[in-house]
Amino acid sequence: METNTEMKLKDFESALKSLEEIVSQLEGGDLALDRALELFEEGVKISRFCNAKLEEAERKVEMLTRGGDGRLTETPFTAEDAGEA
């Protein structure tokens, strides 16, 4: 059976949304200490997951931007690259 955190770690976007919800609850300040600690712990796990996903994406981008000689080729990212012409 999946834990609550595991269910939220399906993809980066859903994990980030869950993390935002946790931060909002913690900022509200009207939680019992035990519940606040549970949410904080869950937030740390989600944060680590998001960080790992970002690092993975960075490695993929780096691999895609290496030149034939193996060196990184710096290419500016523009709105056209994102399909936002």
C-alpha atoms as a PDB file:
ATOM      1  CA  MET A   1       0.000   0.000   0.000  1.00  0.00           C
ATOM      2  CA  GLU A   2       1.341   3.457  -0.951  1.00  0.00           C
ATOM      3  CA  THR A   3       1.935   6.059   1.712  1.00  0.00           C
ATOM      4  CA  ASN A   4       0.519   9.546   1.371  1.00  0.00           C
ATOM      5  CA  THR A   5       3.916  10.893   0.294  1.00  0.00           C
ATOM      6  CA  GLU A   6       4.453   8.131  -2.284  1.00  0.00           C
ATOM      7  CA  MET A   7       1.099   8.940  -3.869  1.00  0.00           C
ATOM      8  CA  LYS A   8       2.180  12.596  -4.225  1.00  0.00           C
ATOM      9  CA  LEU A   9       5.495  11.694  -5.852  1.00  0.00           C
ATOM     10  CA  LYS A  10       4.150  10.537  -9.207  1.00  0.00           C
ATOM     11  CA  ASP A  11       5.575  13.487 -11.154  1.00  0.00           C
ATOM     12  CA  PHE A  12       7.248  16.823 -10.555  1.00  0.00           C
ATOM     13  CA  GLU A  13       4.147  18.949 -11.082  1.00  0.00           C
ATOM     14  CA  SER A  14       1.909  17.031  -8.676  1.00  0.00           C
ATOM     15  CA  ALA A  15       4.708  16.873  -6.105  1.00  0.00           C
ATOM     16  CA  LEU A  16       5.248  20.621  -6.350  1.00  0.00           C
ATOM     17  CA  LYS A  17       1.530  21.245  -5.915  1.00  0.00           C
ATOM     18  CA  SER A  18       1.522  19.026  -2.811  1.00  0.00           C
ATOM     19  CA  LEU A  19       4.519  20.881  -1.434  1.00  0.00           C
ATOM     20  CA  GLU A  20       2.760  24.217  -1.972  1.00  0.00           C
ATOM     21  CA  GLU A  21      -0.284  22.906  -0.092  1.00  0.00           C
ATOM     22  CA  ILE A  22       1.902  21.776   2.811  1.00  0.00           C
ATOM     23  CA  VAL A  23       3.635  25.155   2.991  1.00  0.00           C
ATOM     24  CA  SER A  24       0.262  26.884   3.005  1.00  0.00           C
ATOM     25  CA  GLN A  25      -0.972  24.708   5.877  1.00  0.00           C
ATOM     26  CA  LEU A  26       2.204  25.280   7.863  1.00  0.00           C
ATOM     27  CA  GLU A  27       2.044  29.018   7.288  1.00  0.00           C
ATOM     28  CA  GLY A  28      -1.525  29.028   8.574  1.00  0.00           C
ATOM     29  CA  GLY A  29      -0.131  28.343  12.023  1.00  0.00           C
ATOM     30  CA  ASP A  30      -3.202  26.659  13.476  1.00  0.00           C
ATOM     31  CA  LEU A  31      -1.880  23.081  13.486  1.00  0.00           C
ATOM     32  CA  ALA A  32      -1.043  20.927  16.450  1.00  0.00           C
ATOM     33  CA  LEU A  33       2.696  20.468  16.893  1.00  0.00           C
ATOM     34  CA  ASP A  34       2.561  16.764  15.995  1.00  0.00           C
ATOM     35  CA  ARG A  35       0.640  17.475  12.775  1.00  0.00           C
ATOM     36  CA  ALA A  36       2.988  20.334  11.870  1.00  0.00           C
ATOM     37  CA  LEU A  37       5.979  18.018  12.307  1.00  0.00           C
ATOM     38  CA  GLU A  38       4.314  15.335  10.155  1.00  0.00           C
ATOM     39  CA  LEU A  39       3.652  17.862   7.410  1.00  0.00           C
ATOM     40  CA  PHE A  40       7.183  19.245   7.665  1.00  0.00           C
ATOM     41  CA  GLU A  41       8.646  15.736   7.314  1.00  0.00           C
ATOM     42  CA  GLU A  42       6.418  15.029   4.321  1.00  0.00           C
ATOM     43  CA  GLY A  43       7.438  18.367   2.807  1.00  0.00           C
ATOM     44  CA  VAL A  44      11.119  17.522   3.164  1.00  0.00           C
ATOM     45  CA  LYS A  45      10.582  14.209   1.339  1.00  0.00           C
ATOM     46  CA  ILE A  46       8.667  15.924  -1.444  1.00  0.00           C
ATOM     47  CA  SER A  47      11.308  18.656  -1.675  1.00  0.00           C
ATOM     48  CA  ARG A  48      14.038  16.031  -2.086  1.00  0.00           C
ATOM     49  CA  PHE A  49      12.002  14.310  -4.809  1.00  0.00           C
ATOM     50  CA  CYS A  50      11.535  17.621  -6.670  1.00  0.00           C
ATOM     51  CA  ASN A  51      15.229  18.438  -6.357  1.00  0.00           C
ATOM     52  CA  ALA A  52      16.186  15.029  -7.767  1.00  0.00           C
ATOM     53  CA  LYS A  53      13.805  15.536 -10.708  1.00  0.00           C
ATOM     54  CA  LEU A  54      15.300  18.973 -11.428  1.00  0.00           C
ATOM     55  CA  GLU A  55      18.832  17.561 -11.302  1.00  0.00           C
ATOM     56  CA  GLU A  56      17.780  14.769 -13.663  1.00  0.00           C
ATOM     57  CA  ALA A  57      16.320  17.309 -16.093  1.00  0.00           C
ATOM     58  CA  GLU A  58      19.498  19.388 -15.885  1.00  0.00           C
ATOM     59  CA  ARG A  59      21.616  16.328 -16.748  1.00  0.00           C
ATOM     60  CA  LYS A  60      19.383  15.580 -19.756  1.00  0.00           C
ATOM     61  CA  VAL A  61      19.639  19.159 -21.007  1.00  0.00           C
ATOM     62  CA  GLU A  62      23.399  19.050 -20.537  1.00  0.00           C
ATOM     63  CA  MET A  63      23.647  15.826 -22.542  1.00  0.00           C
ATOM     64  CA  LEU A  64      21.548  17.338 -25.319  1.00  0.00           C
ATOM     65  CA  THR A  65      23.699  20.466 -25.515  1.00  0.00           C
ATOM     66  CA  ARG A  66      27.094  18.769 -25.718  1.00  0.00           C
ATOM     67  CA  GLY A  67      28.901  19.301 -28.991  1.00  0.00           C
ATOM     68  CA  GLY A  68      30.475  16.566 -31.087  1.00  0.00           C
ATOM     69  CA  ASP A  69      33.733  17.046 -29.207  1.00  0.00           C
ATOM     70  CA  GLY A  70      32.015  16.399 -25.856  1.00  0.00           C
ATOM     71  CA  ARG A  71      32.223  19.997 -24.674  1.00  0.00           C
ATOM     72  CA  LEU A  72      29.142  21.894 -23.626  1.00  0.00           C
ATOM     73  CA  THR A  73      27.875  24.320 -26.213  1.00  0.00           C
ATOM     74  CA  GLU A  74      26.138  27.320 -24.714  1.00  0.00           C
ATOM     75  CA  THR A  75      22.974  28.070 -26.645  1.00  0.00           C
ATOM     76  CA  PRO A  76      20.631  30.856 -25.541  1.00  0.00           C
ATOM     77  CA  PHE A  77      17.075  29.731 -24.880  1.00  0.00           C
ATOM     78  CA  THR A  78      14.490  31.893 -26.601  1.00  0.00           C
ATOM     79  CA  ALA A  79      10.691  32.058 -26.678  1.00  0.00           C
ATOM     80  CA  GLU A  80      10.807  30.452 -30.137  1.00  0.00           C
ATOM     81  CA  ASP A  81      12.580  27.438 -28.616  1.00  0.00           C
ATOM     82  CA  ALA A  82       9.627  26.995 -26.261  1.00  0.00           C
ATOM     83  CA  GLY A  83       7.131  27.272 -29.095  1.00  0.00           C
ATOM     84  CA  GLU A  84       5.968  30.691 -27.923  1.00  0.00           C
ATOM     85  CA  ALA A  85       6.563  32.651 -31.108  1.00  0.00           C
END
